[in-house]
N, C-alpha and C. Protein backbone atom coordinates (compact mmCIF):
# COMPACT_ATOMS: atom_id res chain seq x y z
N MET A 1 0.48 -0.87 -0.05
CA MET A 1 -0.32 0.30 -0.10
C MET A 1 1.37 1.17 -0.10
N SER A 2 0.73 2.19 -1.13
CA SER A 2 1.38 3.21 -0.76
C SER A 2 0.75 4.49 0.26
N ALA A 3 2.19 4.53 0.67
CA ALA A 3 1.61 5.90 2.30
C ALA A 3 0.61 7.08 1.52
N LYS A 4 -0.53 7.44 1.76
CA LYS A 4 -1.00 8.72 1.40
C LYS A 4 -0.33 9.82 1.71
N PRO A 5 -0.52 10.61 0.87
CA PRO A 5 0.29 11.81 1.26
C PRO A 5 -0.05 13.03 2.11
N LEU A 6 0.16 13.75 2.48
CA LEU A 6 -0.03 15.08 4.00
C LEU A 6 0.08 16.17 3.90
N THR A 7 -1.06 16.39 4.05
CA THR A 7 -1.04 18.23 3.55
C THR A 7 -1.41 18.85 4.90
N LEU A 8 -0.47 19.77 5.69
CA LEU A 8 -0.80 20.35 6.46
C LEU A 8 -1.25 22.22 6.22
N ILE A 9 -2.26 22.33 7.33
CA ILE A 9 -2.39 22.95 7.50
C ILE A 9 -2.49 24.38 8.10
N VAL A 10 -1.88 25.32 7.97
CA VAL A 10 -1.37 26.31 9.14
C VAL A 10 -1.55 27.70 8.69
N ALA A 11 -1.73 28.96 9.85
CA ALA A 11 -2.00 29.74 9.81
C ALA A 11 -0.15 30.24 10.89
N ALA A 12 0.68 31.03 10.18
CA ALA A 12 1.39 31.48 10.94
C ALA A 12 1.62 33.12 10.24
N ALA A 13 2.18 33.72 11.64
CA ALA A 13 2.89 34.83 11.47
C ALA A 13 4.21 35.13 10.50
N ALA A 14 4.13 36.03 9.35
CA ALA A 14 5.25 36.61 9.21
C ALA A 14 6.64 36.48 9.44
N LEU A 15 6.53 37.27 10.42
CA LEU A 15 7.86 37.87 11.44
C LEU A 15 8.58 36.52 11.67
N ASN A 16 7.89 35.79 12.36
CA ASN A 16 8.51 34.45 12.92
C ASN A 16 7.38 33.46 13.37
N ASN A 17 6.27 32.88 12.37
CA ASN A 17 6.29 31.59 12.09
C ASN A 17 5.74 31.32 12.97
N GLY A 18 5.02 32.30 13.76
CA GLY A 18 3.87 32.57 15.17
C GLY A 18 2.84 31.44 15.25
N ILE A 19 2.23 30.44 15.33
CA ILE A 19 1.06 29.87 15.30
C ILE A 19 -0.07 30.11 16.38
N GLY A 20 0.86 30.21 17.76
CA GLY A 20 -0.51 29.96 19.00
C GLY A 20 0.18 30.93 20.24
N ARG A 21 -1.01 31.30 20.42
CA ARG A 21 -0.88 31.82 21.98
C ARG A 21 -1.73 31.96 23.05
N ASN A 22 -1.01 31.27 24.46
CA ASN A 22 -2.37 30.65 25.22
C ASN A 22 -2.68 29.72 24.57
N ASN A 23 -2.25 28.79 24.50
CA ASN A 23 -3.40 27.39 23.28
C ASN A 23 -4.26 27.40 22.63
N ASP A 24 -4.49 29.22 22.18
CA ASP A 24 -5.22 30.00 21.24
C ASP A 24 -4.71 30.43 20.05
N LEU A 25 -5.64 30.82 19.33
CA LEU A 25 -5.02 31.46 18.11
C LEU A 25 -4.65 32.92 18.40
N PRO A 26 -3.46 33.40 17.92
CA PRO A 26 -3.52 34.30 18.35
C PRO A 26 -4.35 35.76 17.70
N TRP A 27 -5.09 35.22 16.22
CA TRP A 27 -5.33 35.82 15.81
C TRP A 27 -6.69 35.31 15.24
N ARG A 28 -7.93 36.81 14.47
CA ARG A 28 -9.42 35.80 14.45
C ARG A 28 -9.82 36.31 13.19
N ILE A 29 -9.51 35.61 12.16
CA ILE A 29 -10.20 35.49 10.53
C ILE A 29 -10.46 34.65 9.71
N ARG A 30 -12.01 35.36 10.13
CA ARG A 30 -12.87 34.90 9.77
C ARG A 30 -12.87 34.55 8.46
N LYS A 31 -12.38 34.42 7.33
CA LYS A 31 -11.76 33.88 5.81
C LYS A 31 -11.32 33.07 5.99
N ASP A 32 -10.47 32.85 7.53
CA ASP A 32 -9.08 31.83 6.92
C ASP A 32 -9.95 30.81 7.84
N MET A 33 -10.88 30.69 8.65
CA MET A 33 -11.32 29.86 8.87
C MET A 33 -12.33 28.63 8.25
N ALA A 34 -13.00 30.18 7.41
CA ALA A 34 -13.91 29.56 6.65
C ALA A 34 -12.97 28.41 5.45
N PHE A 35 -11.85 29.34 5.43
CA PHE A 35 -10.77 28.27 4.33
C PHE A 35 -10.56 26.74 5.47
N PHE A 36 -9.87 27.39 5.92
CA PHE A 36 -9.69 25.82 6.83
C PHE A 36 -10.62 24.80 6.89
N ASN A 37 -12.21 25.20 6.68
CA ASN A 37 -13.27 24.12 7.56
C ASN A 37 -13.21 23.63 5.76
N LYS A 38 -13.17 24.30 4.56
CA LYS A 38 -13.62 24.28 3.28
C LYS A 38 -12.91 23.18 2.35
N VAL A 39 -11.27 23.55 3.06
CA VAL A 39 -9.98 22.63 2.30
C VAL A 39 -10.49 20.98 3.04
N SER A 40 -10.57 21.20 4.54
CA SER A 40 -10.40 19.98 4.91
C SER A 40 -11.75 18.80 5.25
N THR A 41 -12.48 19.41 4.47
CA THR A 41 -13.80 19.31 4.57
C THR A 41 -13.55 17.94 2.82
N ALA A 42 -13.39 18.85 1.64
CA ALA A 42 -13.32 18.46 0.49
C ALA A 42 -12.97 17.51 0.06
N ILE A 43 -14.50 17.15 -0.37
CA ILE A 43 -13.34 15.22 -1.01
C ILE A 43 -12.46 15.70 -2.34
N ALA A 44 -11.60 14.98 -2.47
CA ALA A 44 -11.17 15.20 -3.78
C ALA A 44 -11.34 14.01 -5.58
N SER A 45 -12.13 12.49 -4.79
CA SER A 45 -12.17 11.44 -4.92
C SER A 45 -14.09 11.43 -4.09
N PRO A 46 -15.21 11.79 -4.92
CA PRO A 46 -16.01 11.84 -4.27
C PRO A 46 -17.09 10.49 -5.21
N THR A 47 -17.54 9.48 -4.07
CA THR A 47 -17.78 8.56 -4.72
C THR A 47 -19.22 8.54 -5.03
N THR A 48 -20.07 8.31 -5.91
CA THR A 48 -21.57 8.21 -6.64
C THR A 48 -21.94 6.54 -5.42
N ASP A 49 -21.05 5.87 -5.39
CA ASP A 49 -22.08 4.50 -4.63
C ASP A 49 -22.54 4.53 -3.39
N SER A 50 -23.52 4.99 -2.81
CA SER A 50 -24.69 4.65 -1.90
C SER A 50 -24.82 3.95 -1.12
N ALA A 51 -23.85 2.38 -1.13
CA ALA A 51 -23.47 1.30 -0.43
C ALA A 51 -22.24 1.10 0.45
N ALA A 52 -21.13 2.16 -0.27
CA ALA A 52 -20.20 2.43 -0.04
C ALA A 52 -20.44 2.71 1.46
N PRO A 53 -19.33 2.66 2.07
CA PRO A 53 -18.47 3.31 3.57
C PRO A 53 -18.38 4.75 3.32
N VAL A 54 -18.55 5.96 4.42
CA VAL A 54 -18.86 7.59 4.10
C VAL A 54 -17.50 7.64 4.05
N LEU A 55 -17.45 8.68 3.18
CA LEU A 55 -15.82 8.77 2.21
C LEU A 55 -15.55 10.13 3.02
N MET A 56 -14.26 10.21 3.87
CA MET A 56 -14.09 11.93 4.47
C MET A 56 -12.88 11.46 4.40
N ASN A 57 -12.40 13.40 4.91
CA ASN A 57 -10.65 13.68 5.51
C ASN A 57 -10.65 13.27 6.48
N ALA A 58 -8.90 12.75 6.59
CA ALA A 58 -8.22 12.58 8.25
C ALA A 58 -8.04 13.45 8.69
N CYS A 59 -8.29 14.65 9.89
CA CYS A 59 -7.14 15.39 10.46
C CYS A 59 -6.76 14.75 11.69
N ILE A 60 -5.10 14.86 11.85
CA ILE A 60 -4.46 14.59 12.47
C ILE A 60 -3.80 15.66 13.54
N MET A 61 -4.35 15.39 14.34
CA MET A 61 -3.84 17.05 15.50
C MET A 61 -3.51 16.39 17.14
N GLY A 62 -2.90 17.35 17.63
CA GLY A 62 -1.97 17.18 18.95
C GLY A 62 -3.37 17.66 20.00
N ARG A 63 -2.52 17.11 21.83
CA ARG A 63 -3.73 17.34 22.43
C ARG A 63 -4.56 18.70 22.98
N ARG A 64 -3.24 19.49 22.42
CA ARG A 64 -3.89 20.70 23.11
C ARG A 64 -4.17 21.14 22.05
N THR A 65 -4.16 21.17 20.54
CA THR A 65 -4.81 21.60 19.80
C THR A 65 -6.14 21.15 19.84
N TRP A 66 -6.46 20.14 19.85
CA TRP A 66 -8.13 19.23 20.05
C TRP A 66 -8.27 20.30 21.14
N GLU A 67 -7.43 20.11 22.53
CA GLU A 67 -8.29 21.20 23.52
C GLU A 67 -8.35 22.90 22.80
N SER A 68 -7.38 23.07 22.01
CA SER A 68 -8.37 24.40 21.86
C SER A 68 -9.49 24.95 21.30
N ILE A 69 -9.71 23.18 20.64
CA ILE A 69 -11.16 23.64 19.46
C ILE A 69 -12.75 23.71 20.36
N PRO A 70 -12.73 24.44 20.28
CA PRO A 70 -14.32 24.90 21.31
C PRO A 70 -15.25 23.19 21.49
N LYS A 71 -15.87 23.24 22.29
CA LYS A 71 -16.12 21.98 22.90
C LYS A 71 -17.96 21.73 21.58
N SER A 72 -17.95 22.40 21.32
CA SER A 72 -19.19 23.30 20.57
C SER A 72 -18.96 22.11 19.42
N HIS A 73 -17.80 22.61 18.86
CA HIS A 73 -17.04 22.38 17.31
C HIS A 73 -15.71 21.51 17.53
N ARG A 74 -16.01 20.27 18.38
CA ARG A 74 -15.02 19.31 18.50
C ARG A 74 -16.01 18.11 18.56
N PRO A 75 -15.89 16.95 18.03
CA PRO A 75 -15.48 16.41 17.12
C PRO A 75 -15.26 17.54 15.69
N LEU A 76 -13.89 18.00 14.91
CA LEU A 76 -13.93 18.44 13.48
C LEU A 76 -15.36 17.77 12.92
N ASP A 77 -16.57 18.46 12.46
CA ASP A 77 -18.20 17.83 11.73
C ASP A 77 -16.89 17.42 10.00
N ARG A 78 -17.20 16.08 9.75
CA ARG A 78 -17.49 15.64 8.44
C ARG A 78 -16.05 15.51 8.04
N ARG A 79 -15.40 15.23 9.83
CA ARG A 79 -13.46 14.54 9.53
C ARG A 79 -13.57 13.75 10.76
N TYR A 80 -12.93 12.83 10.05
CA TYR A 80 -12.13 11.71 11.08
C TYR A 80 -11.47 12.03 11.72
N ASN A 81 -11.28 12.53 12.77
CA ASN A 81 -10.27 13.55 14.16
C ASN A 81 -9.27 12.16 15.19
N ILE A 82 -8.40 12.79 14.51
CA ILE A 82 -7.36 11.52 15.20
C ILE A 82 -6.04 12.32 16.30
N ILE A 83 -6.25 11.94 17.54
CA ILE A 83 -5.30 12.65 18.28
C ILE A 83 -4.71 12.66 18.81
N VAL A 84 -3.10 12.49 18.96
CA VAL A 84 -1.99 12.25 19.24
C VAL A 84 -2.34 12.70 20.54
N THR A 85 -2.11 11.45 21.43
CA THR A 85 -1.76 11.64 22.74
C THR A 85 -1.80 10.31 23.87
N SER A 86 -0.64 10.66 25.04
CA SER A 86 -0.63 9.53 25.32
C SER A 86 -1.78 9.23 26.93
N SER A 87 -3.07 9.73 26.60
CA SER A 87 -4.19 9.75 27.35
C SER A 87 -4.84 8.79 26.46
N LYS A 88 -5.30 7.77 26.56
CA LYS A 88 -6.44 6.81 25.62
C LYS A 88 -7.58 6.97 26.34
N ASP A 89 -8.08 7.94 27.84
CA ASP A 89 -9.75 8.52 27.64
C ASP A 89 -10.06 10.07 27.98
N LEU A 90 -9.08 10.60 26.83
CA LEU A 90 -9.17 11.62 26.50
C LEU A 90 -10.45 11.62 25.78
N ILE A 91 -10.78 10.75 24.79
CA ILE A 91 -12.32 10.71 23.99
C ILE A 91 -13.16 10.39 24.23
N PRO A 92 -14.30 9.73 24.55
CA PRO A 92 -15.58 8.80 24.93
C PRO A 92 -15.32 7.48 23.99
N ALA A 93 -14.80 6.10 24.03
CA ALA A 93 -14.72 5.25 23.17
C ALA A 93 -15.22 5.15 21.72
N ASP A 94 -17.19 5.71 22.75
CA ASP A 94 -17.72 5.53 21.59
C ASP A 94 -18.19 6.82 20.39
N LEU A 95 -16.99 7.55 20.90
CA LEU A 95 -17.42 8.68 19.50
C LEU A 95 -16.94 8.14 18.24
N PRO A 96 -18.34 8.53 17.04
CA PRO A 96 -18.01 8.26 16.20
C PRO A 96 -17.27 9.20 15.31
N PHE A 97 -16.14 8.68 14.18
CA PHE A 97 -14.75 9.25 13.41
C PHE A 97 -14.52 9.75 14.86
N CYS A 98 -13.68 9.74 15.11
CA CYS A 98 -12.62 9.71 16.31
C CYS A 98 -12.12 9.25 16.82
N ALA A 99 -10.37 9.15 16.68
CA ALA A 99 -9.79 7.90 17.40
C ALA A 99 -8.35 8.65 18.18
N THR A 100 -7.90 7.73 19.04
CA THR A 100 -6.71 8.80 19.58
C THR A 100 -5.14 7.67 19.44
N ALA A 101 -4.48 8.34 19.23
CA ALA A 101 -3.33 7.37 18.77
C ALA A 101 -2.40 8.20 19.33
N SER A 102 -0.66 6.64 20.09
CA SER A 102 0.01 7.33 21.08
C SER A 102 1.00 7.98 20.32
N SER A 103 1.14 8.13 19.00
CA SER A 103 2.08 8.81 18.33
C SER A 103 2.07 9.12 16.96
N PHE A 104 2.56 10.15 16.14
CA PHE A 104 2.02 10.70 15.11
C PHE A 104 2.35 9.40 13.63
N ALA A 105 3.30 8.24 14.07
CA ALA A 105 3.42 7.08 13.46
C ALA A 105 1.81 6.33 13.74
N ARG A 106 1.42 6.20 14.67
CA ARG A 106 0.58 5.23 14.75
C ARG A 106 -0.65 5.74 15.14
N ALA A 107 -0.53 7.66 14.57
CA ALA A 107 -1.45 7.88 13.98
C ALA A 107 -2.23 7.45 12.35
N LEU A 108 -0.99 7.45 11.28
CA LEU A 108 -0.83 7.32 10.17
C LEU A 108 -1.05 5.42 10.34
N ASP A 109 -0.95 4.57 11.09
CA ASP A 109 -1.21 3.27 11.24
C ASP A 109 -2.48 3.42 11.31
N HIS A 110 -3.10 4.30 12.27
CA HIS A 110 -4.66 4.16 11.90
C HIS A 110 -5.19 3.76 10.45
N ILE A 111 -5.09 4.77 10.18
CA ILE A 111 -5.41 5.20 8.93
C ILE A 111 -5.34 4.06 7.79
N ASP A 112 -3.99 3.37 7.89
CA ASP A 112 -3.81 2.27 7.11
C ASP A 112 -4.79 1.11 7.20
N ALA A 113 -4.47 1.38 8.45
CA ALA A 113 -5.75 -0.42 9.01
C ALA A 113 -7.17 0.54 8.75
N LEU A 114 -7.34 1.77 8.59
CA LEU A 114 -9.07 1.29 8.56
C LEU A 114 -9.08 1.36 7.27
N SER A 115 -8.09 1.40 6.38
CA SER A 115 -7.84 1.16 4.74
C SER A 115 -8.42 -0.13 4.43
N ALA A 116 -7.38 -0.95 5.46
CA ALA A 116 -7.35 -2.65 4.89
C ALA A 116 -8.69 -2.65 5.31
N GLN A 117 -9.27 -2.25 6.39
CA GLN A 117 -10.70 -3.32 6.76
C GLN A 117 -11.27 -3.53 5.27
N PRO A 118 -12.15 -4.51 5.33
CA PRO A 118 -13.62 -4.90 4.39
C PRO A 118 -14.08 -4.33 4.98
N ASN A 119 -15.32 -3.87 6.04
CA ASN A 119 -15.58 -3.31 5.88
C ASN A 119 -15.42 -1.81 7.53
N PRO A 120 -14.77 -0.89 7.03
CA PRO A 120 -14.26 0.25 7.28
C PRO A 120 -15.97 1.15 7.94
N SER A 121 -15.58 1.80 9.52
CA SER A 121 -16.79 2.59 9.38
C SER A 121 -16.74 3.75 8.81
N ALA A 122 -15.41 4.25 7.76
CA ALA A 122 -15.45 5.25 7.55
C ALA A 122 -14.35 5.14 5.96
N ARG A 123 -13.99 5.55 5.51
CA ARG A 123 -13.08 5.82 4.14
C ARG A 123 -12.31 6.86 4.32
N ILE A 124 -11.03 7.15 4.43
CA ILE A 124 -10.39 8.50 3.96
C ILE A 124 -9.55 8.69 2.46
N ASP A 125 -10.26 9.99 2.58
CA ASP A 125 -9.63 10.15 0.73
C ASP A 125 -8.33 10.64 1.17
N ARG A 126 -8.54 12.43 2.19
CA ARG A 126 -6.73 12.70 2.08
C ARG A 126 -6.64 13.14 3.71
N VAL A 127 -5.27 13.36 4.14
CA VAL A 127 -4.76 12.91 5.31
C VAL A 127 -4.35 14.74 5.79
N PHE A 128 -5.27 15.53 6.47
CA PHE A 128 -4.33 16.83 7.26
C PHE A 128 -3.84 16.66 8.37
N VAL A 129 -2.99 17.86 8.42
CA VAL A 129 -2.51 17.42 9.81
C VAL A 129 -2.45 19.08 10.38
N VAL A 130 -3.55 19.11 11.13
CA VAL A 130 -3.28 20.26 12.30
C VAL A 130 -2.75 20.59 13.05
N GLY A 131 -1.75 20.46 13.33
CA GLY A 131 -1.02 21.26 14.79
C GLY A 131 -1.06 20.32 16.13
N GLY A 132 -0.32 20.70 16.73
CA GLY A 132 -0.08 21.75 17.23
C GLY A 132 1.89 21.59 16.17
N SER A 133 2.60 22.16 16.92
CA SER A 133 3.90 22.43 16.66
C SER A 133 4.98 21.20 16.33
N SER A 134 4.82 20.12 17.30
CA SER A 134 5.70 19.22 17.42
C SER A 134 5.02 17.88 16.52
N ILE A 135 3.56 18.28 16.20
CA ILE A 135 2.97 17.24 15.04
C ILE A 135 3.05 17.93 14.04
N TYR A 136 3.15 18.93 13.47
CA TYR A 136 3.72 19.95 12.05
C TYR A 136 4.94 19.32 12.17
N GLN A 137 6.00 19.27 13.17
CA GLN A 137 7.60 18.56 12.34
C GLN A 137 7.48 17.22 12.33
N GLU A 138 6.55 16.13 12.72
CA GLU A 138 6.90 15.17 12.75
C GLU A 138 6.22 14.86 11.27
N ALA A 139 5.73 15.24 10.57
CA ALA A 139 4.82 15.11 9.29
C ALA A 139 5.75 16.09 8.18
N LEU A 140 6.10 16.95 8.73
CA LEU A 140 7.23 17.71 7.35
C LEU A 140 8.07 16.42 7.54
N LEU A 141 9.12 15.49 8.55
CA LEU A 141 10.25 14.95 8.07
C LEU A 141 9.45 12.98 7.97
N ALA A 142 8.19 13.02 7.54
CA ALA A 142 7.53 12.24 7.68
C ALA A 142 7.83 10.68 6.27
N PRO A 143 8.75 10.02 6.64
CA PRO A 143 9.58 8.65 5.28
C PRO A 143 8.31 8.62 4.41
N GLY A 144 8.80 8.73 3.33
CA GLY A 144 7.77 8.58 2.84
C GLY A 144 6.42 8.68 1.78
N HIS A 145 6.66 9.89 2.93
CA HIS A 145 4.71 10.61 2.34
C HIS A 145 5.56 12.01 1.30
N HIS A 146 4.50 12.22 -0.04
CA HIS A 146 4.54 12.80 -0.17
C HIS A 146 3.95 14.25 0.57
N VAL A 147 4.46 15.94 0.70
CA VAL A 147 4.12 16.79 1.84
C VAL A 147 3.37 17.47 1.36
N GLN A 148 2.19 18.95 1.17
CA GLN A 148 1.99 19.87 1.27
C GLN A 148 1.63 21.01 2.14
N ILE A 149 1.94 22.06 1.82
CA ILE A 149 1.78 22.85 3.01
C ILE A 149 0.42 24.17 2.58
N PHE A 150 -0.37 24.37 3.51
CA PHE A 150 -1.54 25.58 2.80
C PHE A 150 -0.40 25.65 4.16
N LEU A 151 -0.42 27.58 3.65
CA LEU A 151 -0.28 28.28 4.62
C LEU A 151 -0.95 29.76 4.33
N THR A 152 -1.29 29.94 5.23
CA THR A 152 -1.55 31.82 5.26
C THR A 152 -0.74 32.23 6.71
N ARG A 153 -0.35 33.34 5.45
CA ARG A 153 1.20 34.10 6.31
C ARG A 153 -0.23 35.43 6.56
N VAL A 154 -0.06 35.20 7.92
CA VAL A 154 -0.40 36.58 8.26
C VAL A 154 0.77 38.04 8.69
N GLN A 155 0.67 39.17 8.47
CA GLN A 155 1.19 40.39 9.02
C GLN A 155 0.62 40.84 9.52
N PHE A 156 1.65 40.13 11.24
CA PHE A 156 1.04 40.49 12.71
C PHE A 156 1.71 40.86 13.84
N PRO A 157 1.01 41.74 13.72
CA PRO A 157 1.94 43.28 14.68
C PRO A 157 2.66 42.38 16.18
N LEU A 158 1.99 42.03 16.63
CA LEU A 158 2.18 41.47 18.06
C LEU A 158 2.55 39.74 17.95
N ALA A 159 3.84 39.59 16.81
CA ALA A 159 4.23 38.05 16.33
C ALA A 159 5.06 37.69 17.70
N ASP A 160 5.92 39.25 17.96
CA ASP A 160 6.61 38.52 19.08
C ASP A 160 5.60 38.10 20.57
N THR A 161 4.22 38.02 20.71
CA THR A 161 4.01 37.74 21.53
C THR A 161 3.29 35.69 21.66
N CYS A 162 3.49 35.57 20.13
CA CYS A 162 3.43 34.18 20.49
C CYS A 162 4.10 33.53 20.84
N ASP A 163 3.33 32.14 21.69
CA ASP A 163 4.22 31.01 22.34
C ASP A 163 4.57 29.27 21.58
N THR A 164 3.51 29.90 20.52
CA THR A 164 4.19 28.38 19.69
C THR A 164 4.72 29.16 18.47
N PHE A 165 4.86 27.92 17.79
CA PHE A 165 5.54 28.91 16.38
C PHE A 165 5.64 27.46 15.36
N PHE A 166 4.96 27.19 13.82
CA PHE A 166 5.55 26.19 13.04
C PHE A 166 6.62 26.14 13.13
N PRO A 167 7.77 24.83 12.69
CA PRO A 167 8.38 24.34 12.35
C PRO A 167 9.04 25.43 11.74
N HIS A 168 10.21 25.48 11.23
CA HIS A 168 11.37 25.67 10.33
C HIS A 168 11.32 24.57 8.90
N MET A 169 10.83 25.53 7.68
CA MET A 169 10.54 25.02 6.90
C MET A 169 11.59 24.87 5.42
N ASP A 170 12.13 24.25 5.04
CA ASP A 170 13.59 23.56 4.35
C ASP A 170 13.33 24.57 2.57
N THR A 171 13.93 25.65 2.42
CA THR A 171 13.16 25.74 1.35
C THR A 171 14.10 25.16 0.19
N SER A 172 15.14 24.46 0.53
CA SER A 172 15.65 23.39 -1.09
C SER A 172 15.08 22.16 -1.12
N ARG A 173 14.14 21.77 -0.42
CA ARG A 173 12.85 21.25 -0.29
C ARG A 173 12.01 21.34 -1.06
N PHE A 174 10.93 22.56 -0.35
CA PHE A 174 9.67 22.52 0.02
C PHE A 174 9.79 24.24 -1.11
N ALA A 175 9.12 24.00 -2.18
CA ALA A 175 8.72 25.07 -3.20
C ALA A 175 7.42 25.99 -2.94
N LEU A 176 7.18 27.43 -3.18
CA LEU A 176 6.37 28.01 -2.91
C LEU A 176 5.76 27.27 -4.78
N GLN A 177 4.19 27.52 -4.58
CA GLN A 177 3.47 26.80 -5.87
C GLN A 177 2.57 28.17 -6.74
N PRO A 178 2.95 28.11 -7.67
CA PRO A 178 1.89 29.12 -8.41
C PRO A 178 0.77 29.09 -7.97
N HIS A 179 -0.41 30.69 -7.63
CA HIS A 179 -1.80 30.14 -7.42
C HIS A 179 -2.07 29.09 -8.01
N GLU A 180 -2.47 28.88 -9.42
CA GLU A 180 -2.52 28.16 -9.67
C GLU A 180 -2.95 26.65 -9.40
N ARG A 181 -2.36 26.04 -8.71
CA ARG A 181 -1.52 24.54 -8.75
C ARG A 181 -2.34 24.75 -7.17
N LEU A 182 -2.09 26.03 -6.21
CA LEU A 182 -3.39 26.11 -4.91
C LEU A 182 -4.64 25.62 -4.91
N VAL A 183 -5.21 26.61 -6.17
CA VAL A 183 -6.42 26.34 -6.70
C VAL A 183 -6.46 24.89 -6.88
N ASP A 184 -6.18 24.51 -7.15
CA ASP A 184 -6.02 22.75 -7.88
C ASP A 184 -5.85 21.69 -6.66
N ALA A 185 -4.60 22.24 -5.82
CA ALA A 185 -4.52 20.99 -4.68
C ALA A 185 -6.28 21.26 -3.65
N ALA A 186 -6.32 22.62 -3.92
CA ALA A 186 -7.74 22.95 -2.82
C ALA A 186 -8.75 22.58 -3.16
N THR A 187 -9.18 22.51 -4.89
CA THR A 187 -10.19 22.17 -5.44
C THR A 187 -11.19 23.12 -5.71
N PHE A 188 -10.50 24.11 -4.85
CA PHE A 188 -12.42 25.05 -4.96
C PHE A 188 -11.21 26.52 -5.66
N ASP A 189 -12.21 27.97 -5.82
CA ASP A 189 -11.50 28.63 -5.81
C ASP A 189 -11.66 29.23 -4.64
N VAL A 190 -9.59 30.46 -4.76
CA VAL A 190 -9.29 31.09 -3.89
C VAL A 190 -8.03 32.22 -3.72
N PRO A 191 -9.27 33.28 -3.07
CA PRO A 191 -8.68 34.75 -3.28
C PRO A 191 -6.91 34.99 -3.38
N ALA A 192 -6.95 35.40 -4.70
CA ALA A 192 -4.55 35.36 -5.17
C ALA A 192 -4.25 36.80 -4.41
N GLY A 193 -3.48 37.16 -4.15
CA GLY A 193 -3.04 38.23 -3.23
C GLY A 193 -2.97 38.49 -2.20
N VAL A 194 -2.85 39.40 -1.46
CA VAL A 194 -2.80 39.72 -0.44
C VAL A 194 -4.67 40.60 0.04
N GLN A 195 -5.39 39.73 1.28
CA GLN A 195 -6.06 40.28 1.46
C GLN A 195 -6.28 41.00 3.05
N THR A 196 -7.47 41.47 3.16
CA THR A 196 -7.42 42.18 4.43
C THR A 196 -8.75 41.91 4.99
N SER A 197 -8.31 41.57 6.19
CA SER A 197 -9.63 41.07 7.29
C SER A 197 -10.58 42.15 7.75
N GLU A 198 -11.31 41.32 8.53
CA GLU A 198 -12.33 42.59 8.60
C GLU A 198 -11.39 43.62 10.22
N SER A 199 -10.80 42.32 10.16
CA SER A 199 -9.99 43.98 11.89
C SER A 199 -8.71 44.66 11.16
N GLY A 200 -8.60 44.17 9.74
CA GLY A 200 -7.62 45.36 9.11
C GLY A 200 -5.89 44.16 9.16
N LEU A 201 -6.17 43.09 9.35
CA LEU A 201 -5.29 41.88 9.17
C LEU A 201 -4.33 41.64 7.41
N GLN A 202 -3.68 42.03 7.01
CA GLN A 202 -3.02 41.56 6.02
C GLN A 202 -2.96 39.75 5.65
N TYR A 203 -3.05 38.86 5.07
CA TYR A 203 -2.94 37.81 4.99
C TYR A 203 -2.55 36.92 3.31
N GLU A 204 -2.30 36.43 3.44
CA GLU A 204 -2.34 35.84 1.28
C GLU A 204 -2.34 34.27 2.31
N PHE A 205 -3.01 33.66 1.00
CA PHE A 205 -3.25 32.62 0.85
C PHE A 205 -1.93 31.43 0.08
N LEU A 206 -1.40 30.82 0.67
CA LEU A 206 -0.32 30.12 -0.90
C LEU A 206 0.18 28.46 0.01
N LEU A 207 0.18 27.93 -1.17
CA LEU A 207 0.84 26.18 -0.86
C LEU A 207 2.25 26.49 -1.26
N TYR A 208 2.83 26.00 -0.17
CA TYR A 208 4.03 25.34 -0.27
C TYR A 208 4.12 23.06 -1.09
N GLU A 209 5.07 23.07 -1.85
CA GLU A 209 4.90 21.12 -1.99
C GLU A 209 6.29 21.17 -2.06
N ALA A 210 6.74 19.49 -1.58
CA ALA A 210 8.26 18.93 -1.76
C ALA A 210 8.36 19.19 -3.06
N THR A 211 9.61 19.11 -3.02
CA THR A 211 9.94 19.16 -4.28
C THR A 211 10.91 17.65 -4.69
N ASN A 212 10.69 16.45 -4.34
CA ASN A 212 11.27 15.53 -3.71
C ASN A 212 10.29 14.28 -2.99
């Protein structure tokens, strides 16, 4: 079985790659959240077979990222949630389309095991990695997986107040893609160029992709 590609979704401050503050987002950008929800639920290879298992994307995250999601919004709807944690009691055992894994590698093993089942509860289309910092780092270095990164680059003047950061991205391995490739990877239209949020923050949707 070939390894599924990994797609990271992250919003980071342009100055220092800050992604979090006090286990929360440093900013509120409504259209970026809408992008996150749309891209992580979009099915790249939909099926018309009504008898087939439900087709959805997987979202792998760490415990702190899981806990930063408001209770009313978790698990992430219409996505198979996998939380990397040492606590087996973090979620109810019968919570649908949700699982825990003791490591990032085990999370990937869980997805492979689902695919190998004759009658799985869900069939996984795309695998998204949604944080936090250490989970992103493992995904960037995951052997045998093609990696792409949806990066929302935010011009955030208070970047020095961030306490969590996106890992260094090796620019000899990851290349910025043209906007047409971003739209193709997202499977829907995405605004090009610098945008301005409702609070006046400037941001831009970008796509980086591994060149090997």
